[in-house]
PDB file of N, CA and C in Angstrom:
ATOM      1  N   MET A   1       0.850  -1.176   0.000  1.00  0.00           N
ATOM      2  CA  MET A   1       0.000   0.000   0.000  1.00  0.00           C
ATOM      3  C   MET A   1       0.893   1.235   0.000  1.00  0.00           C
ATOM      4  N   PRO A   2       0.665   2.174  -0.936  1.00  0.00           N
ATOM      5  CA  PRO A   2       1.515   3.371  -1.003  1.00  0.00           C
ATOM      6  C   PRO A   2       1.280   4.275   0.198  1.00  0.00           C
ATOM      7  N   ASP A   3       2.350   4.975   0.559  1.00  0.00           N
ATOM      8  CA  ASP A   3       2.222   5.941   1.656  1.00  0.00           C
ATOM      9  C   ASP A   3       1.256   7.036   1.255  1.00  0.00           C
ATOM     10  N   GLN A   4       0.317   7.296   2.128  1.00  0.00           N
ATOM     11  CA  GLN A   4      -0.608   8.399   1.879  1.00  0.00           C
ATOM     12  C   GLN A   4      -0.054   9.645   2.532  1.00  0.00           C
ATOM     13  N   GLU A   5      -0.270  10.764   1.877  1.00  0.00           N
ATOM     14  CA  GLU A   5       0.201  12.027   2.436  1.00  0.00           C
ATOM     15  C   GLU A   5      -0.603  12.339   3.692  1.00  0.00           C
ATOM     16  N   LYS A   6       0.116  12.684   4.757  1.00  0.00           N
ATOM     17  CA  LYS A   6      -0.529  13.016   6.027  1.00  0.00           C
ATOM     18  C   LYS A   6      -1.253  14.349   5.879  1.00  0.00           C
ATOM     19  N   PRO A   7      -2.499  14.450   6.361  1.00  0.00           N
ATOM     20  CA  PRO A   7      -3.213  15.728   6.282  1.00  0.00           C
ATOM     21  C   PRO A   7      -2.478  16.813   7.067  1.00  0.00           C
ATOM     22  N   SER A   8      -2.617  18.043   6.624  1.00  0.00           N
ATOM     23  CA  SER A   8      -1.984  19.167   7.322  1.00  0.00           C
ATOM     24  C   SER A   8      -2.593  19.324   8.711  1.00  0.00           C
ATOM     25  N   LEU A   9      -1.890  20.031   9.573  1.00  0.00           N
ATOM     26  CA  LEU A   9      -2.418  20.321  10.899  1.00  0.00           C
ATOM     27  C   LEU A   9      -3.739  21.071  10.767  1.00  0.00           C
ATOM     28  N   TYR A  10      -3.814  21.987   9.813  1.00  0.00           N
ATOM     29  CA  TYR A  10      -5.046  22.728   9.554  1.00  0.00           C
ATOM     30  C   TYR A  10      -6.213  21.761   9.311  1.00  0.00           C
ATOM     31  N   ASP A  11      -5.994  20.763   8.457  1.00  0.00           N
ATOM     32  CA  ASP A  11      -7.046  19.786   8.172  1.00  0.00           C
ATOM     33  C   ASP A  11      -7.360  18.933   9.390  1.00  0.00           C
ATOM     34  N   ARG A  12      -6.324  18.546  10.135  1.00  0.00           N
ATOM     35  CA  ARG A  12      -6.551  17.734  11.327  1.00  0.00           C
ATOM     36  C   ARG A  12      -7.309  18.512  12.393  1.00  0.00           C
ATOM     37  N   LEU A  13      -7.127  19.835  12.432  1.00  0.00           N
ATOM     38  CA  LEU A  13      -7.873  20.677  13.373  1.00  0.00           C
ATOM     39  C   LEU A  13      -9.325  20.853  12.961  1.00  0.00           C
ATOM     40  N   GLY A  14      -9.625  20.622  11.710  1.00  0.00           N
ATOM     41  CA  GLY A  14     -11.006  20.713  11.245  1.00  0.00           C
ATOM     42  C   GLY A  14     -11.321  21.948  10.437  1.00  0.00           C
ATOM     43  N   GLY A  15     -10.309  22.698  10.036  1.00  0.00           N
ATOM     44  CA  GLY A  15     -10.538  23.849   9.172  1.00  0.00           C
ATOM     45  C   GLY A  15     -10.768  25.154   9.913  1.00  0.00           C
ATOM     46  N   VAL A  16     -11.154  26.152   9.154  1.00  0.00           N
ATOM     47  CA  VAL A  16     -11.188  27.532   9.632  1.00  0.00           C
ATOM     48  C   VAL A  16     -12.121  27.747  10.822  1.00  0.00           C
ATOM     49  N   TYR A  17     -13.278  27.108  10.844  1.00  0.00           N
ATOM     50  CA  TYR A  17     -14.222  27.366  11.927  1.00  0.00           C
ATOM     51  C   TYR A  17     -13.709  26.817  13.260  1.00  0.00           C
ATOM     52  N   ASN A  18     -13.097  25.654  13.221  1.00  0.00           N
ATOM     53  CA  ASN A  18     -12.519  25.112  14.455  1.00  0.00           C
ATOM     54  C   ASN A  18     -11.311  25.931  14.890  1.00  0.00           C
ATOM     55  N   VAL A  19     -10.488  26.347  13.950  1.00  0.00           N
ATOM     56  CA  VAL A  19      -9.338  27.189  14.286  1.00  0.00           C
ATOM     57  C   VAL A  19      -9.823  28.495  14.902  1.00  0.00           C
ATOM     58  N   ALA A  20     -10.857  29.096  14.337  1.00  0.00           N
ATOM     59  CA  ALA A  20     -11.392  30.360  14.858  1.00  0.00           C
ATOM     60  C   ALA A  20     -11.881  30.197  16.297  1.00  0.00           C
ATOM     61  N   THR A  21     -12.490  29.074  16.602  1.00  0.00           N
ATOM     62  CA  THR A  21     -12.965  28.817  17.961  1.00  0.00           C
ATOM     63  C   THR A  21     -11.795  28.735  18.934  1.00  0.00           C
ATOM     64  N   VAL A  22     -10.746  28.044  18.536  1.00  0.00           N
ATOM     65  CA  VAL A  22      -9.564  27.919  19.392  1.00  0.00           C
ATOM     66  C   VAL A  22      -8.899  29.281  19.592  1.00  0.00           C
ATOM     67  N   VAL A  23      -8.769  30.050  18.519  1.00  0.00           N
ATOM     68  CA  VAL A  23      -8.139  31.372  18.608  1.00  0.00           C
ATOM     69  C   VAL A  23      -8.937  32.271  19.540  1.00  0.00           C
ATOM     70  N   GLU A  24     -10.240  32.286  19.401  1.00  0.00           N
ATOM     71  CA  GLU A  24     -11.078  33.145  20.248  1.00  0.00           C
ATOM     72  C   GLU A  24     -11.030  32.705  21.709  1.00  0.00           C
ATOM     73  N   THR A  25     -11.069  31.407  21.951  1.00  0.00           N
ATOM     74  CA  THR A  25     -10.989  30.901  23.317  1.00  0.00           C
ATOM     75  C   THR A  25      -9.657  31.297  23.950  1.00  0.00           C
ATOM     76  N   HIS A  26      -8.593  31.137  23.204  1.00  0.00           N
ATOM     77  CA  HIS A  26      -7.274  31.513  23.720  1.00  0.00           C
ATOM     78  C   HIS A  26      -7.197  33.013  23.973  1.00  0.00           C
ATOM     79  N   ARG A  27      -7.714  33.786  23.044  1.00  0.00           N
ATOM     80  CA  ARG A  27      -7.665  35.244  23.175  1.00  0.00           C
ATOM     81  C   ARG A  27      -8.393  35.702  24.427  1.00  0.00           C
ATOM     82  N   GLN A  28      -9.548  35.124  24.697  1.00  0.00           N
ATOM     83  CA  GLN A  28     -10.357  35.546  25.836  1.00  0.00           C
ATOM     84  C   GLN A  28      -9.792  35.075  27.175  1.00  0.00           C
ATOM     85  N   SER A  29      -9.330  33.828  27.235  1.00  0.00           N
ATOM     86  CA  SER A  29      -8.973  33.280  28.536  1.00  0.00           C
ATOM     87  C   SER A  29      -7.482  33.271  28.847  1.00  0.00           C
ATOM     88  N   HIS A  30      -6.641  33.295  27.830  1.00  0.00           N
ATOM     89  CA  HIS A  30      -5.209  33.186  28.086  1.00  0.00           C
ATOM     90  C   HIS A  30      -4.427  34.376  27.561  1.00  0.00           C
ATOM     91  N   GLY A  31      -4.608  34.675  26.304  1.00  0.00           N
ATOM     92  CA  GLY A  31      -3.782  35.696  25.663  1.00  0.00           C
ATOM     93  C   GLY A  31      -4.040  37.111  26.124  1.00  0.00           C
ATOM     94  N   ARG A  32      -5.286  37.512  26.167  1.00  0.00           N
ATOM     95  CA  ARG A  32      -5.599  38.903  26.466  1.00  0.00           C
ATOM     96  C   ARG A  32      -5.126  39.351  27.841  1.00  0.00           C
ATOM     97  N   PRO A  33      -5.414  38.615  28.915  1.00  0.00           N
ATOM     98  CA  PRO A  33      -4.941  39.104  30.230  1.00  0.00           C
ATOM     99  C   PRO A  33      -3.421  39.278  30.281  1.00  0.00           C
ATOM    100  N   ARG A  34      -2.708  38.359  29.682  1.00  0.00           N
ATOM    101  CA  ARG A  34      -1.245  38.438  29.711  1.00  0.00           C
ATOM    102  C   ARG A  34      -0.732  39.551  28.804  1.00  0.00           C
ATOM    103  N   LEU A  35      -1.272  39.625  27.594  1.00  0.00           N
ATOM    104  CA  LEU A  35      -0.822  40.652  26.659  1.00  0.00           C
ATOM    105  C   LEU A  35      -1.173  42.049  27.139  1.00  0.00           C
ATOM    106  N   ASN A  36      -2.297  42.183  27.824  1.00  0.00           N
ATOM    107  CA  ASN A  36      -2.716  43.504  28.281  1.00  0.00           C
ATOM    108  C   ASN A  36      -1.833  44.071  29.379  1.00  0.00           C
ATOM    109  N   ALA A  37      -0.876  43.298  29.846  1.00  0.00           N
ATOM    110  CA  ALA A  37       0.099  43.836  30.789  1.00  0.00           C
ATOM    111  C   ALA A  37       0.943  44.915  30.107  1.00  0.00           C
ATOM    112  N   ASN A  38       1.039  44.845  28.794  1.00  0.00           N
ATOM    113  CA  ASN A  38       1.703  45.883  28.001  1.00  0.00           C
ATOM    114  C   ASN A  38       0.662  46.975  27.755  1.00  0.00           C
ATOM    115  N   PRO A  39       0.849  48.194  28.272  1.00  0.00           N
ATOM    116  CA  PRO A  39      -0.163  49.250  28.139  1.00  0.00           C
ATOM    117  C   PRO A  39      -0.527  49.568  26.686  1.00  0.00           C
ATOM    118  N   ARG A  40       0.420  49.467  25.770  1.00  0.00           N
ATOM    119  CA  ARG A  40       0.116  49.746  24.369  1.00  0.00           C
ATOM    120  C   ARG A  40      -0.785  48.669  23.783  1.00  0.00           C
ATOM    121  N   VAL A  41      -0.558  47.439  24.156  1.00  0.00           N
ATOM    122  CA  VAL A  41      -1.398  46.337  23.682  1.00  0.00           C
ATOM    123  C   VAL A  41      -2.795  46.472  24.288  1.00  0.00           C
ATOM    124  N   ASP A  42      -2.867  46.789  25.576  1.00  0.00           N
ATOM    125  CA  ASP A  42      -4.159  46.966  26.237  1.00  0.00           C
ATOM    126  C   ASP A  42      -4.976  48.043  25.532  1.00  0.00           C
ATOM    127  N   GLU A  43      -4.350  49.163  25.233  1.00  0.00           N
ATOM    128  CA  GLU A  43      -5.046  50.252  24.539  1.00  0.00           C
ATOM    129  C   GLU A  43      -5.494  49.814  23.146  1.00  0.00           C
ATOM    130  N   ALA A  44      -4.651  49.064  22.445  1.00  0.00           N
ATOM    131  CA  ALA A  44      -5.005  48.596  21.101  1.00  0.00           C
ATOM    132  C   ALA A  44      -6.182  47.628  21.156  1.00  0.00           C
ATOM    133  N   HIS A  45      -6.223  46.780  22.170  1.00  0.00           N
ATOM    134  CA  HIS A  45      -7.343  45.841  22.288  1.00  0.00           C
ATOM    135  C   HIS A  45      -8.667  46.565  22.478  1.00  0.00           C
ATOM    136  N   HIS A  46      -8.644  47.741  23.051  1.00  0.00           N
ATOM    137  CA  HIS A  46      -9.882  48.497  23.232  1.00  0.00           C
ATOM    138  C   HIS A  46     -10.287  49.242  21.954  1.00  0.00           C
ATOM    139  N   ARG A  47      -9.373  49.399  21.016  1.00  0.00           N
ATOM    140  CA  ARG A  47      -9.672  50.081  19.756  1.00  0.00           C
ATOM    141  C   ARG A  47     -10.084  49.124  18.645  1.00  0.00           C
ATOM    142  N   VAL A  48      -9.577  47.891  18.689  1.00  0.00           N
ATOM    143  CA  VAL A  48      -9.817  46.934  17.608  1.00  0.00           C
ATOM    144  C   VAL A  48     -11.158  46.252  17.839  1.00  0.00           C
ATOM    145  N   ILE A  49     -12.015  46.328  16.839  1.00  0.00           N
ATOM    146  CA  ILE A  49     -13.308  45.660  16.955  1.00  0.00           C
ATOM    147  C   ILE A  49     -13.083  44.151  16.879  1.00  0.00           C
ATOM    148  N   PRO A  50     -13.963  43.357  17.496  1.00  0.00           N
ATOM    149  CA  PRO A  50     -13.756  41.903  17.487  1.00  0.00           C
ATOM    150  C   PRO A  50     -13.568  41.320  16.084  1.00  0.00           C
ATOM    151  N   GLN A  51     -14.252  41.869  15.093  1.00  0.00           N
ATOM    152  CA  GLN A  51     -14.088  41.362  13.741  1.00  0.00           C
ATOM    153  C   GLN A  51     -12.659  41.553  13.246  1.00  0.00           C
ATOM    154  N   GLY A  52     -11.948  42.509  13.809  1.00  0.00           N
ATOM    155  CA  GLY A  52     -10.558  42.722  13.445  1.00  0.00           C
ATOM    156  C   GLY A  52      -9.671  41.586  13.911  1.00  0.00           C
ATOM    157  N   GLN A  53     -10.154  40.794  14.841  1.00  0.00           N
ATOM    158  CA  GLN A  53      -9.388  39.660  15.333  1.00  0.00           C
ATOM    159  C   GLN A  53      -9.332  38.526  14.315  1.00  0.00           C
ATOM    160  N   VAL A  54     -10.046  38.673  13.214  1.00  0.00           N
ATOM    161  CA  VAL A  54     -10.021  37.647  12.169  1.00  0.00           C
ATOM    162  C   VAL A  54      -8.599  37.439  11.648  1.00  0.00           C
ATOM    163  N   LEU A  55      -7.757  38.462  11.760  1.00  0.00           N
ATOM    164  CA  LEU A  55      -6.375  38.322  11.302  1.00  0.00           C
ATOM    165  C   LEU A  55      -5.611  37.290  12.122  1.00  0.00           C
ATOM    166  N   ALA A  56      -5.918  37.171  13.406  1.00  0.00           N
ATOM    167  CA  ALA A  56      -5.261  36.153  14.224  1.00  0.00           C
ATOM    168  C   ALA A  56      -5.660  34.759  13.740  1.00  0.00           C
ATOM    169  N   THR A  57      -6.922  34.586  13.410  1.00  0.00           N
ATOM    170  CA  THR A  57      -7.374  33.305  12.867  1.00  0.00           C
ATOM    171  C   THR A  57      -6.712  33.040  11.528  1.00  0.00           C
ATOM    172  N   GLU A  58      -6.637  34.067  10.696  1.00  0.00           N
ATOM    173  CA  GLU A  58      -5.987  33.926   9.393  1.00  0.00           C
ATOM    174  C   GLU A  58      -4.538  33.477   9.557  1.00  0.00           C
ATOM    175  N   MET A  59      -3.839  34.060  10.526  1.00  0.00           N
ATOM    176  CA  MET A  59      -2.449  33.714  10.745  1.00  0.00           C
ATOM    177  C   MET A  59      -2.305  32.255  11.186  1.00  0.00           C
ATOM    178  N   VAL A  60      -3.148  31.827  12.116  1.00  0.00           N
ATOM    179  CA  VAL A  60      -3.059  30.447  12.592  1.00  0.00           C
ATOM    180  C   VAL A  60      -3.413  29.470  11.471  1.00  0.00           C
ATOM    181  N   CYS A  61      -4.419  29.799  10.677  1.00  0.00           N
ATOM    182  CA  CYS A  61      -4.766  28.940   9.541  1.00  0.00           C
ATOM    183  C   CYS A  61      -3.586  28.821   8.580  1.00  0.00           C
ATOM    184  N   TRP A  62      -2.987  29.936   8.251  1.00  0.00           N
ATOM    185  CA  TRP A  62      -1.822  29.954   7.357  1.00  0.00           C
ATOM    186  C   TRP A  62      -0.668  29.141   7.943  1.00  0.00           C
ATOM    187  N   ALA A  63      -0.388  29.351   9.230  1.00  0.00           N
ATOM    188  CA  ALA A  63       0.746  28.694   9.871  1.00  0.00           C
ATOM    189  C   ALA A  63       0.556  27.182  10.010  1.00  0.00           C
ATOM    190  N   THR A  64      -0.694  26.728  10.007  1.00  0.00           N
ATOM    191  CA  THR A  64      -0.955  25.299  10.163  1.00  0.00           C
ATOM    192  C   THR A  64      -1.189  24.592   8.830  1.00  0.00           C
ATOM    193  N   GLY A  65      -0.986  25.313   7.730  1.00  0.00           N
ATOM    194  CA  GLY A  65      -1.079  24.682   6.417  1.00  0.00           C
ATOM    195  C   GLY A  65      -2.387  24.892   5.691  1.00  0.00           C
ATOM    196  N   GLY A  66      -3.205  25.827   6.173  1.00  0.00           N
ATOM    197  CA  GLY A  66      -4.471  26.110   5.508  1.00  0.00           C
ATOM    198  C   GLY A  66      -4.275  26.955   4.260  1.00  0.00           C
ATOM    199  N   PRO A  67      -5.346  27.177   3.513  1.00  0.00           N
ATOM    200  CA  PRO A  67      -5.252  27.915   2.259  1.00  0.00           C
ATOM    201  C   PRO A  67      -5.189  29.439   2.428  1.00  0.00           C
ATOM    202  N   GLN A  68      -5.359  29.929   3.645  1.00  0.00           N
ATOM    203  CA  GLN A  68      -5.359  31.369   3.881  1.00  0.00           C
ATOM    204  C   GLN A  68      -3.960  31.945   3.651  1.00  0.00           C
ATOM    205  N   THR A  69      -3.942  33.224   3.312  1.00  0.00           N
ATOM    206  CA  THR A  69      -2.680  33.940   3.137  1.00  0.00           C
ATOM    207  C   THR A  69      -2.590  34.993   4.228  1.00  0.00           C
ATOM    208  N   TYR A  70      -1.523  34.951   4.989  1.00  0.00           N
ATOM    209  CA  TYR A  70      -1.300  35.937   6.051  1.00  0.00           C
ATOM    210  C   TYR A  70      -0.206  36.870   5.573  1.00  0.00           C
ATOM    211  N   LEU A  71      -0.529  38.137   5.435  1.00  0.00           N
ATOM    212  CA  LEU A  71       0.385  39.090   4.815  1.00  0.00           C
ATOM    213  C   LEU A  71       1.285  39.817   5.798  1.00  0.00           C
ATOM    214  N   ALA A  72       1.019  39.736   7.090  1.00  0.00           N
ATOM    215  CA  ALA A  72       1.799  40.502   8.069  1.00  0.00           C
ATOM    216  C   ALA A  72       2.908  39.658   8.687  1.00  0.00           C
ATOM    217  N   VAL A  73       3.546  38.832   7.902  1.00  0.00           N
ATOM    218  CA  VAL A  73       4.553  37.902   8.402  1.00  0.00           C
ATOM    219  C   VAL A  73       5.757  38.615   9.009  1.00  0.00           C
ATOM    220  N   ASP A  74       6.092  39.784   8.516  1.00  0.00           N
ATOM    221  CA  ASP A  74       7.315  40.453   8.957  1.00  0.00           C
ATOM    222  C   ASP A  74       7.212  41.127  10.323  1.00  0.00           C
ATOM    223  N   GLY A  75       6.042  41.206  10.916  1.00  0.00           N
ATOM    224  CA  GLY A  75       5.888  41.796  12.240  1.00  0.00           C
ATOM    225  C   GLY A  75       5.669  43.295  12.249  1.00  0.00           C
ATOM    226  N   ASP A  76       5.690  43.945  11.104  1.00  0.00           N
ATOM    227  CA  ASP A  76       5.501  45.396  11.065  1.00  0.00           C
ATOM    228  C   ASP A  76       4.144  45.824  11.597  1.00  0.00           C
ATOM    229  N   SER A  77       3.139  44.977  11.476  1.00  0.00           N
ATOM    230  CA  SER A  77       1.803  45.366  11.912  1.00  0.00           C
ATOM    231  C   SER A  77       1.717  45.567  13.422  1.00  0.00           C
ATOM    232  N   HIS A  78       2.679  45.040  14.171  1.00  0.00           N
ATOM    233  CA  HIS A  78       2.669  45.179  15.623  1.00  0.00           C
ATOM    234  C   HIS A  78       3.851  45.977  16.156  1.00  0.00           C
ATOM    235  N   ARG A  79       4.640  46.524  15.271  1.00  0.00           N
ATOM    236  CA  ARG A  79       5.849  47.240  15.699  1.00  0.00           C
ATOM    237  C   ARG A  79       5.528  48.378  16.666  1.00  0.00           C
ATOM    238  N   HIS A  80       4.439  49.104  16.424  1.00  0.00           N
ATOM    239  CA  HIS A  80       4.072  50.240  17.274  1.00  0.00           C
ATOM    240  C   HIS A  80       3.710  49.817  18.699  1.00  0.00           C
ATOM    241  N   LEU A  81       3.469  48.525  18.924  1.00  0.00           N
ATOM    242  CA  LEU A  81       3.109  48.043  20.252  1.00  0.00           C
ATOM    243  C   LEU A  81       4.337  47.743  21.108  1.00  0.00           C
ATOM    244  N   MET A  82       5.499  47.835  20.500  1.00  0.00           N
ATOM    245  CA  MET A  82       6.768  47.623  21.199  1.00  0.00           C
ATOM    246  C   MET A  82       6.786  46.272  21.922  1.00  0.00           C
ATOM    247  N   ILE A  83       6.371  45.221  21.198  1.00  0.00           N
ATOM    248  CA  ILE A  83       6.397  43.874  21.744  1.00  0.00           C
ATOM    249  C   ILE A  83       7.788  43.303  21.508  1.00  0.00           C
ATOM    250  N   ARG A  84       8.385  42.792  22.574  1.00  0.00           N
ATOM    251  CA  ARG A  84       9.724  42.196  22.488  1.00  0.00           C
ATOM    252  C   ARG A  84       9.614  40.703  22.789  1.00  0.00           C
ATOM    253  N   PRO A  85      10.561  39.914  22.312  1.00  0.00           N
ATOM    254  CA  PRO A  85      10.510  38.484  22.634  1.00  0.00           C
ATOM    255  C   PRO A  85      10.466  38.237  24.132  1.00  0.00           C
ATOM    256  N   SER A  86      11.143  39.046  24.920  1.00  0.00           N
ATOM    257  CA  SER A  86      11.122  38.834  26.371  1.00  0.00           C
ATOM    258  C   SER A  86       9.753  39.085  26.973  1.00  0.00           C
ATOM    259  N   SER A  87       8.912  39.887  26.327  1.00  0.00           N
ATOM    260  CA  SER A  87       7.572  40.163  26.869  1.00  0.00           C
ATOM    261  C   SER A  87       6.652  38.976  26.663  1.00  0.00           C
ATOM    262  N   ALA A  88       7.034  38.012  25.827  1.00  0.00           N
ATOM    263  CA  ALA A  88       6.209  36.838  25.589  1.00  0.00           C
ATOM    264  C   ALA A  88       6.660  35.654  26.440  1.00  0.00           C
ATOM    265  N   GLU A  89       7.739  35.797  27.146  1.00  0.00           N
ATOM    266  CA  GLU A  89       8.233  34.683  27.952  1.00  0.00           C
ATOM    267  C   GLU A  89       7.410  34.549  29.219  1.00  0.00           C
ATOM    268  N   PRO A  90       7.274  33.298  29.727  1.00  0.00           N
ATOM    269  CA  PRO A  90       6.484  33.086  30.956  1.00  0.00           C
ATOM    270  C   PRO A  90       7.120  33.718  32.169  1.00  0.00           C
TER     271      PRO A  90
END
């Protein structure tokens, strides 16, 4: 029997709707409280409408092998928030 190609992580997760649920759950219960410790991020979260969070779902879909295209790969979209690698460490 020939080797079958393993489905992408995106496919194993169940596609965009399941990814969106995971992203939103993480944003509400884990990501937001921690990220809001940065005053610039906290202020930005109050300006961005929830529909604007679709970009986070788009990024996760892209990163897991989905068909979406995420254009902000270089990090410029968050440069004004002054996020450093050390601010993401536990």
